[in-house]
Amino acid sequence: MTFWDFLVWAFWFYIVIVCITIFIRILIDIFRDPELNGWAKALWVLFIVVVPFLAALIYLIARGRKMAQRSMAGAVEAQQANDQYIRSVAGSGSAADEIESAKRLLDSGAITPAEFDTLKAKALAGQS
């Protein structure tokens, strides 16, 4: 195998991977699209299985813009969910909230007064 044969093989391998990726993205978009009913989804899938390159080209031309919009909406939704999760586990960071939380633990008997004083001191030291 010569160097040029290797380059041609690598090029075609790249093309195959790109085509498979496009087909998978289209199939995912078909099933995520709430506007399509079951029969339309089945017809698109059948079309992609029977004539994949023509079907992919037609799908990208006809529905490509909405495909991008759905992808962006999904990314925004995922980012908002991630931000919400981070806010929920990070806590408020305010010294008053930390002291209030420690006081509830003290009142419930989960910590001793000495541990409460330590937590209070940490909260006040972290605030300044």
C-alpha atoms as a PDB file:
ATOM      1  CA  MET A   1       0.000   0.000   0.000  1.00  0.00           C
ATOM      2  CA  THR A   2       1.442   3.340  -1.042  1.00  0.00           C
ATOM      3  CA  PHE A   3       1.080   6.592   0.790  1.00  0.00           C
ATOM      4  CA  TRP A   4      -1.540   7.798  -1.721  1.00  0.00           C
ATOM      5  CA  ASP A   5      -3.548   4.616  -1.301  1.00  0.00           C
ATOM      6  CA  PHE A   6      -3.549   5.240   2.417  1.00  0.00           C
ATOM      7  CA  LEU A   7      -4.734   8.827   1.925  1.00  0.00           C
ATOM      8  CA  VAL A   8      -7.565   7.702  -0.367  1.00  0.00           C
ATOM      9  CA  TRP A   9      -8.564   5.000   2.134  1.00  0.00           C
ATOM     10  CA  ALA A  10      -8.489   7.540   5.008  1.00  0.00           C
ATOM     11  CA  PHE A  11     -10.599   9.966   2.965  1.00  0.00           C
ATOM     12  CA  TRP A  12     -13.284   7.347   2.250  1.00  0.00           C
ATOM     13  CA  PHE A  13     -13.220   6.185   5.855  1.00  0.00           C
ATOM     14  CA  TYR A  14     -13.826   9.795   6.929  1.00  0.00           C
ATOM     15  CA  ILE A  15     -16.718  10.118   4.451  1.00  0.00           C
ATOM     16  CA  VAL A  16     -18.338   6.928   5.791  1.00  0.00           C
ATOM     17  CA  ILE A  17     -18.068   8.142   9.396  1.00  0.00           C
ATOM     18  CA  VAL A  18     -19.552  11.537   8.468  1.00  0.00           C
ATOM     19  CA  CYS A  19     -22.452   9.884   6.598  1.00  0.00           C
ATOM     20  CA  ILE A  20     -23.222   7.573   9.511  1.00  0.00           C
ATOM     21  CA  THR A  21     -23.137  10.557  11.868  1.00  0.00           C
ATOM     22  CA  ILE A  22     -25.537  12.519   9.663  1.00  0.00           C
ATOM     23  CA  PHE A  23     -27.940   9.577   9.408  1.00  0.00           C
ATOM     24  CA  ILE A  24     -27.919   9.102  13.176  1.00  0.00           C
ATOM     25  CA  ARG A  25     -28.508  12.842  13.800  1.00  0.00           C
ATOM     26  CA  ILE A  26     -31.435  12.804  11.377  1.00  0.00           C
ATOM     27  CA  LEU A  27     -32.966   9.727  12.987  1.00  0.00           C
ATOM     28  CA  ILE A  28     -32.637  11.288  16.433  1.00  0.00           C
ATOM     29  CA  ASP A  29     -34.258  14.486  15.158  1.00  0.00           C
ATOM     30  CA  ILE A  30     -37.115  12.553  13.570  1.00  0.00           C
ATOM     31  CA  PHE A  31     -37.992  10.868  16.851  1.00  0.00           C
ATOM     32  CA  ARG A  32     -37.582  14.052  18.927  1.00  0.00           C
ATOM     33  CA  ASP A  33     -39.797  16.169  16.682  1.00  0.00           C
ATOM     34  CA  PRO A  34     -43.191  16.694  18.353  1.00  0.00           C
ATOM     35  CA  GLU A  35     -44.697  18.078  15.123  1.00  0.00           C
ATOM     36  CA  LEU A  36     -44.411  14.753  13.277  1.00  0.00           C
ATOM     37  CA  ASN A  37     -47.013  12.090  13.932  1.00  0.00           C
ATOM     38  CA  GLY A  38     -46.191   8.390  14.073  1.00  0.00           C
ATOM     39  CA  TRP A  39     -46.912   7.719  10.397  1.00  0.00           C
ATOM     40  CA  ALA A  40     -44.729  10.605   9.251  1.00  0.00           C
ATOM     41  CA  LYS A  41     -41.900   9.370  11.462  1.00  0.00           C
ATOM     42  CA  ALA A  42     -42.284   5.854  10.071  1.00  0.00           C
ATOM     43  CA  LEU A  43     -42.227   7.145   6.487  1.00  0.00           C
ATOM     44  CA  TRP A  44     -39.115   9.241   7.090  1.00  0.00           C
ATOM     45  CA  VAL A  45     -37.330   6.271   8.691  1.00  0.00           C
ATOM     46  CA  LEU A  46     -38.363   4.003   5.823  1.00  0.00           C
ATOM     47  CA  PHE A  47     -37.186   6.613   3.322  1.00  0.00           C
ATOM     48  CA  ILE A  48     -33.816   6.875   5.091  1.00  0.00           C
ATOM     49  CA  VAL A  49     -33.405   3.090   5.146  1.00  0.00           C
ATOM     50  CA  VAL A  50     -34.333   2.606   1.473  1.00  0.00           C
ATOM     51  CA  VAL A  51     -32.520   5.574  -0.109  1.00  0.00           C
ATOM     52  CA  PRO A  52     -30.313   6.997   2.633  1.00  0.00           C
ATOM     53  CA  PHE A  53     -28.356   9.663   0.749  1.00  0.00           C
ATOM     54  CA  LEU A  54     -31.347  11.092  -1.116  1.00  0.00           C
ATOM     55  CA  ALA A  55     -33.510  10.972   2.020  1.00  0.00           C
ATOM     56  CA  ALA A  56     -30.841  12.683   4.120  1.00  0.00           C
ATOM     57  CA  LEU A  57     -30.407  15.405   1.516  1.00  0.00           C
ATOM     58  CA  ILE A  58     -34.166  15.995   1.263  1.00  0.00           C
ATOM     59  CA  TYR A  59     -34.573  15.969   5.051  1.00  0.00           C
ATOM     60  CA  LEU A  60     -31.772  18.478   5.554  1.00  0.00           C
ATOM     61  CA  ILE A  61     -33.187  20.789   2.879  1.00  0.00           C
ATOM     62  CA  ALA A  62     -36.816  20.514   3.985  1.00  0.00           C
ATOM     63  CA  ARG A  63     -36.416  20.354   7.759  1.00  0.00           C
ATOM     64  CA  GLY A  64     -32.843  21.495   8.423  1.00  0.00           C
ATOM     65  CA  ARG A  65     -33.746  24.875   9.883  1.00  0.00           C
ATOM     66  CA  LYS A  66     -36.190  23.423  12.400  1.00  0.00           C
ATOM     67  CA  MET A  67     -33.657  20.680  13.134  1.00  0.00           C
ATOM     68  CA  ALA A  68     -31.169  23.369  14.163  1.00  0.00           C
ATOM     69  CA  GLN A  69     -33.809  25.191  16.210  1.00  0.00           C
ATOM     70  CA  ARG A  70     -34.744  21.993  18.067  1.00  0.00           C
ATOM     71  CA  SER A  71     -31.084  21.295  18.716  1.00  0.00           C
ATOM     72  CA  MET A  72     -30.529  24.796  20.104  1.00  0.00           C
ATOM     73  CA  ALA A  73     -33.671  24.567  22.261  1.00  0.00           C
ATOM     74  CA  GLY A  74     -32.441  21.247  23.663  1.00  0.00           C
ATOM     75  CA  ALA A  75     -29.025  22.725  24.411  1.00  0.00           C
ATOM     76  CA  VAL A  76     -30.570  25.744  26.178  1.00  0.00           C
ATOM     77  CA  GLU A  77     -32.852  23.456  28.187  1.00  0.00           C
ATOM     78  CA  ALA A  78     -29.913  21.262  29.202  1.00  0.00           C
ATOM     79  CA  GLN A  79     -27.887  24.335  30.207  1.00  0.00           C
ATOM     80  CA  GLN A  80     -30.756  25.662  32.319  1.00  0.00           C
ATOM     81  CA  ALA A  81     -31.174  22.279  34.016  1.00  0.00           C
ATOM     82  CA  ASN A  82     -27.430  22.194  34.696  1.00  0.00           C
ATOM     83  CA  ASP A  83     -27.486  25.722  36.139  1.00  0.00           C
ATOM     84  CA  GLN A  84     -30.489  24.846  38.302  1.00  0.00           C
ATOM     85  CA  TYR A  85     -28.709  21.759  39.628  1.00  0.00           C
ATOM     86  CA  ILE A  86     -25.531  23.715  40.389  1.00  0.00           C
ATOM     87  CA  ARG A  87     -27.539  26.360  42.256  1.00  0.00           C
ATOM     88  CA  SER A  88     -29.339  23.680  44.263  1.00  0.00           C
ATOM     89  CA  VAL A  89     -26.169  21.951  45.437  1.00  0.00           C
ATOM     90  CA  ALA A  90     -23.960  25.017  45.821  1.00  0.00           C
ATOM     91  CA  GLY A  91     -26.053  26.642  48.514  1.00  0.00           C
ATOM     92  CA  SER A  92     -26.655  30.326  48.889  1.00  0.00           C
ATOM     93  CA  GLY A  93     -23.250  31.190  50.282  1.00  0.00           C
ATOM     94  CA  SER A  94     -24.632  33.796  52.683  1.00  0.00           C
ATOM     95  CA  ALA A  95     -23.378  33.652  56.270  1.00  0.00           C
ATOM     96  CA  ALA A  96     -26.884  34.158  57.647  1.00  0.00           C
ATOM     97  CA  ASP A  97     -28.190  31.140  55.729  1.00  0.00           C
ATOM     98  CA  GLU A  98     -25.313  28.972  56.903  1.00  0.00           C
ATOM     99  CA  ILE A  99     -25.848  30.032  60.509  1.00  0.00           C
ATOM    100  CA  GLU A 100     -29.605  29.410  60.182  1.00  0.00           C
ATOM    101  CA  SER A 101     -28.906  25.933  58.799  1.00  0.00           C
ATOM    102  CA  ALA A 102     -26.485  25.223  61.657  1.00  0.00           C
ATOM    103  CA  LYS A 103     -29.071  26.486  64.181  1.00  0.00           C
ATOM    104  CA  ARG A 104     -31.657  24.064  62.780  1.00  0.00           C
ATOM    105  CA  LEU A 105     -29.128  21.244  63.181  1.00  0.00           C
ATOM    106  CA  LEU A 106     -28.450  22.354  66.751  1.00  0.00           C
ATOM    107  CA  ASP A 107     -32.169  22.536  67.568  1.00  0.00           C
ATOM    108  CA  SER A 108     -32.752  19.069  66.130  1.00  0.00           C
ATOM    109  CA  GLY A 109     -29.910  17.683  68.227  1.00  0.00           C
ATOM    110  CA  ALA A 110     -27.789  16.647  65.249  1.00  0.00           C
ATOM    111  CA  ILE A 111     -24.834  18.769  66.419  1.00  0.00           C
ATOM    112  CA  THR A 112     -23.540  19.950  69.788  1.00  0.00           C
ATOM    113  CA  PRO A 113     -23.317  23.608  70.876  1.00  0.00           C
ATOM    114  CA  ALA A 114     -19.544  23.464  70.360  1.00  0.00           C
ATOM    115  CA  GLU A 115     -20.014  22.284  66.762  1.00  0.00           C
ATOM    116  CA  PHE A 116     -22.597  25.041  66.255  1.00  0.00           C
ATOM    117  CA  ASP A 117     -20.091  27.640  67.464  1.00  0.00           C
ATOM    118  CA  THR A 118     -17.477  26.238  65.076  1.00  0.00           C
ATOM    119  CA  LEU A 119     -19.871  26.359  62.121  1.00  0.00           C
ATOM    120  CA  LYS A 120     -20.952  29.871  63.079  1.00  0.00           C
ATOM    121  CA  ALA A 121     -17.326  31.027  63.273  1.00  0.00           C
ATOM    122  CA  LYS A 122     -16.583  29.470  59.855  1.00  0.00           C
ATOM    123  CA  ALA A 123     -19.607  31.171  58.315  1.00  0.00           C
ATOM    124  CA  LEU A 124     -18.672  34.550  59.750  1.00  0.00           C
ATOM    125  CA  ALA A 125     -14.995  34.143  58.787  1.00  0.00           C
ATOM    126  CA  GLY A 126     -15.899  33.167  55.224  1.00  0.00           C
ATOM    127  CA  GLN A 127     -18.161  36.225  54.868  1.00  0.00           C
ATOM    128  CA  SER A 128     -15.464  38.802  55.620  1.00  0.00           C
END
